[in-house]
């Protein structure tokens, strides 16, 4: 690097870690004290909806119950559509939330120059999802899966959970639980 300081931000265990090159060959490592990276605010830090004044009101409410489902058709009815995030982003480019589509894709949502909600597209943003219901062959044990599972970009994770009163979706995009509410239009 020529005559300028630089910073490398990493998210680790729910805390931002910063490696700074202060110029002149020195560097420092430490917790940033900030909740955001320049490219992706709060990425993966699993923040609380209660402390986010911009989160929709239904984000901070503890739901009355979980909605059950066992078939792909039932999951599609619950999952397909646009969801607003309640806590820190879990996907690259996720400024507003995520959209799941019936063709097995998901996209981070952002706003355009007119403040309309739009998908981020391209190889860095488009993801794929596949649901395998209970009884499907578990890809690790090769036995029957008791809970079912979801593949998000070829990564096996628990299937999403949906709540009633208010409606929320809870899904593991990363080791941190992500919480969403339906995006109001």
C-alpha atoms as a PDB file:
ATOM      1  CA  UNK A   1       0.000   0.000   0.000  1.00  0.00           C
ATOM      2  CA  UNK A   2       1.415   3.410  -0.946  1.00  0.00           C
ATOM      3  CA  UNK A   3       1.112   6.210   1.621  1.00  0.00           C
ATOM      4  CA  UNK A   4      -2.344   5.283   2.939  1.00  0.00           C
ATOM      5  CA  UNK A   5      -3.697   3.358   5.871  1.00  0.00           C
ATOM      6  CA  UNK A   6      -6.054   0.449   5.265  1.00  0.00           C
ATOM      7  CA  UNK A   7      -8.469  -1.642   7.286  1.00  0.00           C
ATOM      8  CA  UNK A   8      -9.597  -5.228   6.893  1.00  0.00           C
ATOM      9  CA  UNK A   9     -12.913  -6.019   8.611  1.00  0.00           C
ATOM     10  CA  UNK A  10     -13.902  -9.528   9.600  1.00  0.00           C
ATOM     11  CA  UNK A  11     -16.968 -10.799  11.388  1.00  0.00           C
ATOM     12  CA  UNK A  12     -16.201 -13.427  13.994  1.00  0.00           C
ATOM     13  CA  UNK A  13     -18.425 -14.892  16.656  1.00  0.00           C
ATOM     14  CA  UNK A  14     -20.863 -12.011  16.538  1.00  0.00           C
ATOM     15  CA  UNK A  15     -18.237  -9.258  16.819  1.00  0.00           C
ATOM     16  CA  UNK A  16     -16.515  -7.224  14.160  1.00  0.00           C
ATOM     17  CA  UNK A  17     -12.751  -7.676  14.185  1.00  0.00           C
ATOM     18  CA  UNK A  18     -10.582  -5.073  12.495  1.00  0.00           C
ATOM     19  CA  UNK A  19      -7.034  -5.445  11.264  1.00  0.00           C
ATOM     20  CA  UNK A  20      -5.637  -1.985  10.558  1.00  0.00           C
ATOM     21  CA  UNK A  21      -2.460  -1.144   8.734  1.00  0.00           C
ATOM     22  CA  UNK A  22      -1.560   2.202  10.205  1.00  0.00           C
ATOM     23  CA  UNK A  23       1.096   2.858   7.585  1.00  0.00           C
ATOM     24  CA  UNK A  24       4.811   2.769   8.290  1.00  0.00           C
ATOM     25  CA  UNK A  25       4.729  -1.004   8.815  1.00  0.00           C
ATOM     26  CA  UNK A  26       2.624  -1.054  11.990  1.00  0.00           C
ATOM     27  CA  UNK A  27      -0.681  -2.813  12.374  1.00  0.00           C
ATOM     28  CA  UNK A  28      -3.233  -3.386  15.103  1.00  0.00           C
ATOM     29  CA  UNK A  29      -5.864  -6.026  15.780  1.00  0.00           C
ATOM     30  CA  UNK A  30      -8.903  -5.517  17.925  1.00  0.00           C
ATOM     31  CA  UNK A  31     -12.646  -5.347  18.295  1.00  0.00           C
ATOM     32  CA  UNK A  32     -13.971  -2.479  16.252  1.00  0.00           C
ATOM     33  CA  UNK A  33     -16.626  -1.237  18.639  1.00  0.00           C
ATOM     34  CA  UNK A  34     -18.682  -0.539  15.510  1.00  0.00           C
ATOM     35  CA  UNK A  35     -21.524  -2.666  14.251  1.00  0.00           C
ATOM     36  CA  UNK A  36     -20.864  -2.274  10.563  1.00  0.00           C
ATOM     37  CA  UNK A  37     -18.460  -2.978   7.750  1.00  0.00           C
ATOM     38  CA  UNK A  38     -18.191  -0.501   4.884  1.00  0.00           C
ATOM     39  CA  UNK A  39     -19.549  -3.015   2.345  1.00  0.00           C
ATOM     40  CA  UNK A  40     -22.234  -4.715   4.431  1.00  0.00           C
ATOM     41  CA  UNK A  41     -23.508  -2.977   7.569  1.00  0.00           C
ATOM     42  CA  UNK A  42     -23.606  -5.303  10.559  1.00  0.00           C
ATOM     43  CA  UNK A  43     -22.907  -8.384   8.448  1.00  0.00           C
ATOM     44  CA  UNK A  44     -23.486 -11.519  10.438  1.00  0.00           C
ATOM     45  CA  UNK A  45     -23.365  -9.885  13.826  1.00  0.00           C
ATOM     46  CA  UNK A  46     -26.833 -11.076  14.804  1.00  0.00           C
ATOM     47  CA  UNK A  47     -28.000  -7.781  16.320  1.00  0.00           C
ATOM     48  CA  UNK A  48     -31.188  -7.356  18.260  1.00  0.00           C
ATOM     49  CA  UNK A  49     -34.412  -6.064  16.711  1.00  0.00           C
ATOM     50  CA  UNK A  50     -35.229  -4.446  20.046  1.00  0.00           C
ATOM     51  CA  UNK A  51     -32.241  -2.100  19.703  1.00  0.00           C
ATOM     52  CA  UNK A  52     -32.889  -1.291  16.018  1.00  0.00           C
ATOM     53  CA  UNK A  53     -35.251   1.676  15.772  1.00  0.00           C
ATOM     54  CA  UNK A  54     -35.703   1.093  12.013  1.00  0.00           C
ATOM     55  CA  UNK A  55     -36.908  -2.523  12.385  1.00  0.00           C
ATOM     56  CA  UNK A  56     -40.615  -3.160  11.770  1.00  0.00           C
ATOM     57  CA  UNK A  57     -42.690  -3.388  14.984  1.00  0.00           C
ATOM     58  CA  UNK A  58     -43.435  -7.108  14.465  1.00  0.00           C
ATOM     59  CA  UNK A  59     -39.707  -7.837  14.752  1.00  0.00           C
ATOM     60  CA  UNK A  60     -39.607  -7.195  18.493  1.00  0.00           C
ATOM     61  CA  UNK A  61     -42.804  -9.098  19.354  1.00  0.00           C
ATOM     62  CA  UNK A  62     -42.499 -12.632  20.714  1.00  0.00           C
ATOM     63  CA  UNK A  63     -44.888 -14.714  18.556  1.00  0.00           C
ATOM     64  CA  UNK A  64     -47.726 -16.756  20.022  1.00  0.00           C
ATOM     65  CA  UNK A  65     -46.850 -20.028  18.256  1.00  0.00           C
ATOM     66  CA  UNK A  66     -45.070 -21.754  15.401  1.00  0.00           C
ATOM     67  CA  UNK A  67     -46.763 -22.652  12.122  1.00  0.00           C
ATOM     68  CA  UNK A  68     -46.161 -26.289  11.214  1.00  0.00           C
ATOM     69  CA  UNK A  69     -45.602 -27.684   7.719  1.00  0.00           C
ATOM     70  CA  UNK A  70     -44.333 -30.966   6.333  1.00  0.00           C
ATOM     71  CA  UNK A  71     -44.625 -30.813   2.544  1.00  0.00           C
ATOM     72  CA  UNK A  72     -42.865 -28.713  -0.096  1.00  0.00           C
ATOM     73  CA  UNK A  73     -46.256 -27.260  -1.133  1.00  0.00           C
ATOM     74  CA  UNK A  74     -46.939 -26.111   2.448  1.00  0.00           C
ATOM     75  CA  UNK A  75     -43.447 -24.592   2.677  1.00  0.00           C
ATOM     76  CA  UNK A  76     -43.899 -22.750  -0.627  1.00  0.00           C
ATOM     77  CA  UNK A  77     -47.118 -21.181   0.685  1.00  0.00           C
ATOM     78  CA  UNK A  78     -45.213 -19.862   3.712  1.00  0.00           C
ATOM     79  CA  UNK A  79     -41.824 -19.020   2.170  1.00  0.00           C
ATOM     80  CA  UNK A  80     -42.345 -17.595  -1.319  1.00  0.00           C
ATOM     81  CA  UNK A  81     -42.284 -13.794  -1.337  1.00  0.00           C
ATOM     82  CA  UNK A  82     -40.331 -10.843  -0.010  1.00  0.00           C
ATOM     83  CA  UNK A  83     -39.196 -10.670   3.617  1.00  0.00           C
ATOM     84  CA  UNK A  84     -37.827  -7.703   5.567  1.00  0.00           C
ATOM     85  CA  UNK A  85     -34.947  -8.461   7.897  1.00  0.00           C
ATOM     86  CA  UNK A  86     -35.307  -7.782  11.593  1.00  0.00           C
ATOM     87  CA  UNK A  87     -31.661  -8.080  12.592  1.00  0.00           C
ATOM     88  CA  UNK A  88     -28.333  -7.480  10.921  1.00  0.00           C
ATOM     89  CA  UNK A  89     -27.922  -8.670   7.311  1.00  0.00           C
ATOM     90  CA  UNK A  90     -26.856 -12.243   6.756  1.00  0.00           C
ATOM     91  CA  UNK A  91     -26.507 -12.140   2.970  1.00  0.00           C
ATOM     92  CA  UNK A  92     -24.110 -10.076   0.852  1.00  0.00           C
ATOM     93  CA  UNK A  93     -26.031  -7.109  -0.534  1.00  0.00           C
ATOM     94  CA  UNK A  94     -28.993  -7.515   1.819  1.00  0.00           C
ATOM     95  CA  UNK A  95     -29.965  -3.926   2.629  1.00  0.00           C
ATOM     96  CA  UNK A  96     -33.701  -4.548   3.165  1.00  0.00           C
ATOM     97  CA  UNK A  97     -34.308  -8.285   3.264  1.00  0.00           C
ATOM     98  CA  UNK A  98     -34.575 -11.343   1.055  1.00  0.00           C
ATOM     99  CA  UNK A  99     -36.908 -12.668  -1.622  1.00  0.00           C
ATOM    100  CA  UNK A 100     -37.582 -16.395  -2.114  1.00  0.00           C
ATOM    101  CA  UNK A 101     -39.001 -17.420  -5.491  1.00  0.00           C
ATOM    102  CA  UNK A 102     -40.948 -20.509  -6.615  1.00  0.00           C
ATOM    103  CA  UNK A 103     -38.143 -21.530  -8.985  1.00  0.00           C
ATOM    104  CA  UNK A 104     -35.813 -22.304  -6.058  1.00  0.00           C
ATOM    105  CA  UNK A 105     -33.871 -19.038  -6.005  1.00  0.00           C
ATOM    106  CA  UNK A 106     -33.360 -16.367  -3.365  1.00  0.00           C
ATOM    107  CA  UNK A 107     -32.109 -12.811  -3.751  1.00  0.00           C
ATOM    108  CA  UNK A 108     -31.014 -10.111  -1.314  1.00  0.00           C
ATOM    109  CA  UNK A 109     -33.219  -7.028  -1.495  1.00  0.00           C
ATOM    110  CA  UNK A 110     -32.075  -3.430  -1.687  1.00  0.00           C
ATOM    111  CA  UNK A 111     -33.609  -0.158  -2.863  1.00  0.00           C
ATOM    112  CA  UNK A 112     -32.943   1.581  -6.155  1.00  0.00           C
ATOM    113  CA  UNK A 113     -32.455   5.308  -6.780  1.00  0.00           C
ATOM    114  CA  UNK A 114     -36.252   5.854  -6.571  1.00  0.00           C
ATOM    115  CA  UNK A 115     -36.429   3.991  -3.224  1.00  0.00           C
ATOM    116  CA  UNK A 116     -38.253   1.015  -4.778  1.00  0.00           C
ATOM    117  CA  UNK A 117     -37.417  -2.447  -3.435  1.00  0.00           C
ATOM    118  CA  UNK A 118     -35.412  -4.417  -5.992  1.00  0.00           C
ATOM    119  CA  UNK A 119     -33.498  -7.687  -6.136  1.00  0.00           C
ATOM    120  CA  UNK A 120     -29.731  -7.747  -6.319  1.00  0.00           C
ATOM    121  CA  UNK A 121     -28.846 -10.095  -9.146  1.00  0.00           C
ATOM    122  CA  UNK A 122     -25.744 -11.689 -10.599  1.00  0.00           C
ATOM    123  CA  UNK A 123     -23.459 -14.473  -9.505  1.00  0.00           C
ATOM    124  CA  UNK A 124     -22.456 -12.686  -6.296  1.00  0.00           C
ATOM    125  CA  UNK A 125     -26.047 -12.355  -5.089  1.00  0.00           C
ATOM    126  CA  UNK A 126     -28.390 -15.000  -6.539  1.00  0.00           C
ATOM    127  CA  UNK A 127     -28.749 -18.051  -4.320  1.00  0.00           C
ATOM    128  CA  UNK A 128     -30.540 -21.366  -4.596  1.00  0.00           C
ATOM    129  CA  UNK A 129     -32.718 -23.256  -2.135  1.00  0.00           C
ATOM    130  CA  UNK A 130     -34.127 -26.784  -2.007  1.00  0.00           C
ATOM    131  CA  UNK A 131     -36.364 -28.188   0.732  1.00  0.00           C
ATOM    132  CA  UNK A 132     -36.337 -31.877   1.680  1.00  0.00           C
ATOM    133  CA  UNK A 133     -39.252 -32.812   3.951  1.00  0.00           C
ATOM    134  CA  UNK A 134     -39.117 -35.150   6.968  1.00  0.00           C
ATOM    135  CA  UNK A 135     -38.356 -38.699   5.843  1.00  0.00           C
ATOM    136  CA  UNK A 136     -36.006 -37.572   3.059  1.00  0.00           C
ATOM    137  CA  UNK A 137     -32.555 -39.095   2.935  1.00  0.00           C
ATOM    138  CA  UNK A 138     -30.243 -37.072   5.159  1.00  0.00           C
ATOM    139  CA  UNK A 139     -27.199 -36.045   3.072  1.00  0.00           C
ATOM    140  CA  UNK A 140     -24.820 -36.673   5.990  1.00  0.00           C
ATOM    141  CA  UNK A 141     -26.110 -39.820   7.722  1.00  0.00           C
ATOM    142  CA  UNK A 142     -27.961 -41.215   4.665  1.00  0.00           C
ATOM    143  CA  UNK A 143     -30.752 -42.244   7.019  1.00  0.00           C
ATOM    144  CA  UNK A 144     -34.259 -40.803   7.067  1.00  0.00           C
ATOM    145  CA  UNK A 145     -34.273 -37.168   8.187  1.00  0.00           C
ATOM    146  CA  UNK A 146     -36.591 -36.622  11.158  1.00  0.00           C
ATOM    147  CA  UNK A 147     -36.926 -32.838  10.786  1.00  0.00           C
ATOM    148  CA  UNK A 148     -36.308 -32.408   7.074  1.00  0.00           C
ATOM    149  CA  UNK A 149     -33.631 -29.987   5.927  1.00  0.00           C
ATOM    150  CA  UNK A 150     -32.953 -27.158   3.545  1.00  0.00           C
ATOM    151  CA  UNK A 151     -30.095 -26.679   1.127  1.00  0.00           C
ATOM    152  CA  UNK A 152     -29.060 -23.026   0.794  1.00  0.00           C
ATOM    153  CA  UNK A 153     -26.402 -22.714  -1.907  1.00  0.00           C
ATOM    154  CA  UNK A 154     -25.473 -26.379  -1.402  1.00  0.00           C
ATOM    155  CA  UNK A 155     -25.136 -25.934   2.386  1.00  0.00           C
ATOM    156  CA  UNK A 156     -27.352 -28.160   4.538  1.00  0.00           C
ATOM    157  CA  UNK A 157     -29.265 -26.279   7.224  1.00  0.00           C
ATOM    158  CA  UNK A 158     -32.414 -26.627   9.293  1.00  0.00           C
ATOM    159  CA  UNK A 159     -35.645 -25.812   7.482  1.00  0.00           C
ATOM    160  CA  UNK A 160     -37.039 -22.345   8.181  1.00  0.00           C
ATOM    161  CA  UNK A 161     -39.534 -21.879  11.010  1.00  0.00           C
ATOM    162  CA  UNK A 162     -42.558 -19.629  10.695  1.00  0.00           C
ATOM    163  CA  UNK A 163     -44.531 -18.068  13.507  1.00  0.00           C
ATOM    164  CA  UNK A 164     -48.096 -16.924  14.033  1.00  0.00           C
ATOM    165  CA  UNK A 165     -49.261 -13.658  15.562  1.00  0.00           C
ATOM    166  CA  UNK A 166     -47.116 -11.999  14.299  1.00  0.00           C
ATOM    167  CA  UNK A 167     -45.876 -13.808  11.219  1.00  0.00           C
ATOM    168  CA  UNK A 168     -42.102 -14.155  11.243  1.00  0.00           C
ATOM    169  CA  UNK A 169     -39.606 -16.374   9.443  1.00  0.00           C
ATOM    170  CA  UNK A 170     -36.545 -17.672  11.241  1.00  0.00           C
ATOM    171  CA  UNK A 171     -33.838 -19.197   9.056  1.00  0.00           C
ATOM    172  CA  UNK A 172     -30.151 -20.048   9.334  1.00  0.00           C
ATOM    173  CA  UNK A 173     -28.264 -18.433   6.433  1.00  0.00           C
ATOM    174  CA  UNK A 174     -25.116 -18.557   8.538  1.00  0.00           C
ATOM    175  CA  UNK A 175     -24.361 -19.807  12.015  1.00  0.00           C
ATOM    176  CA  UNK A 176     -26.433 -16.827  13.220  1.00  0.00           C
ATOM    177  CA  UNK A 177     -30.231 -17.102  13.252  1.00  0.00           C
ATOM    178  CA  UNK A 178     -31.864 -14.634  10.846  1.00  0.00           C
ATOM    179  CA  UNK A 179     -35.318 -13.254  11.591  1.00  0.00           C
ATOM    180  CA  UNK A 180     -37.644 -11.707   8.980  1.00  0.00           C
ATOM    181  CA  UNK A 181     -41.202 -10.391   8.713  1.00  0.00           C
ATOM    182  CA  UNK A 182     -43.254 -10.156   5.502  1.00  0.00           C
ATOM    183  CA  UNK A 183     -42.279  -7.069   3.532  1.00  0.00           C
ATOM    184  CA  UNK A 184     -45.143  -4.585   3.551  1.00  0.00           C
ATOM    185  CA  UNK A 185     -45.719  -2.887   0.255  1.00  0.00           C
END
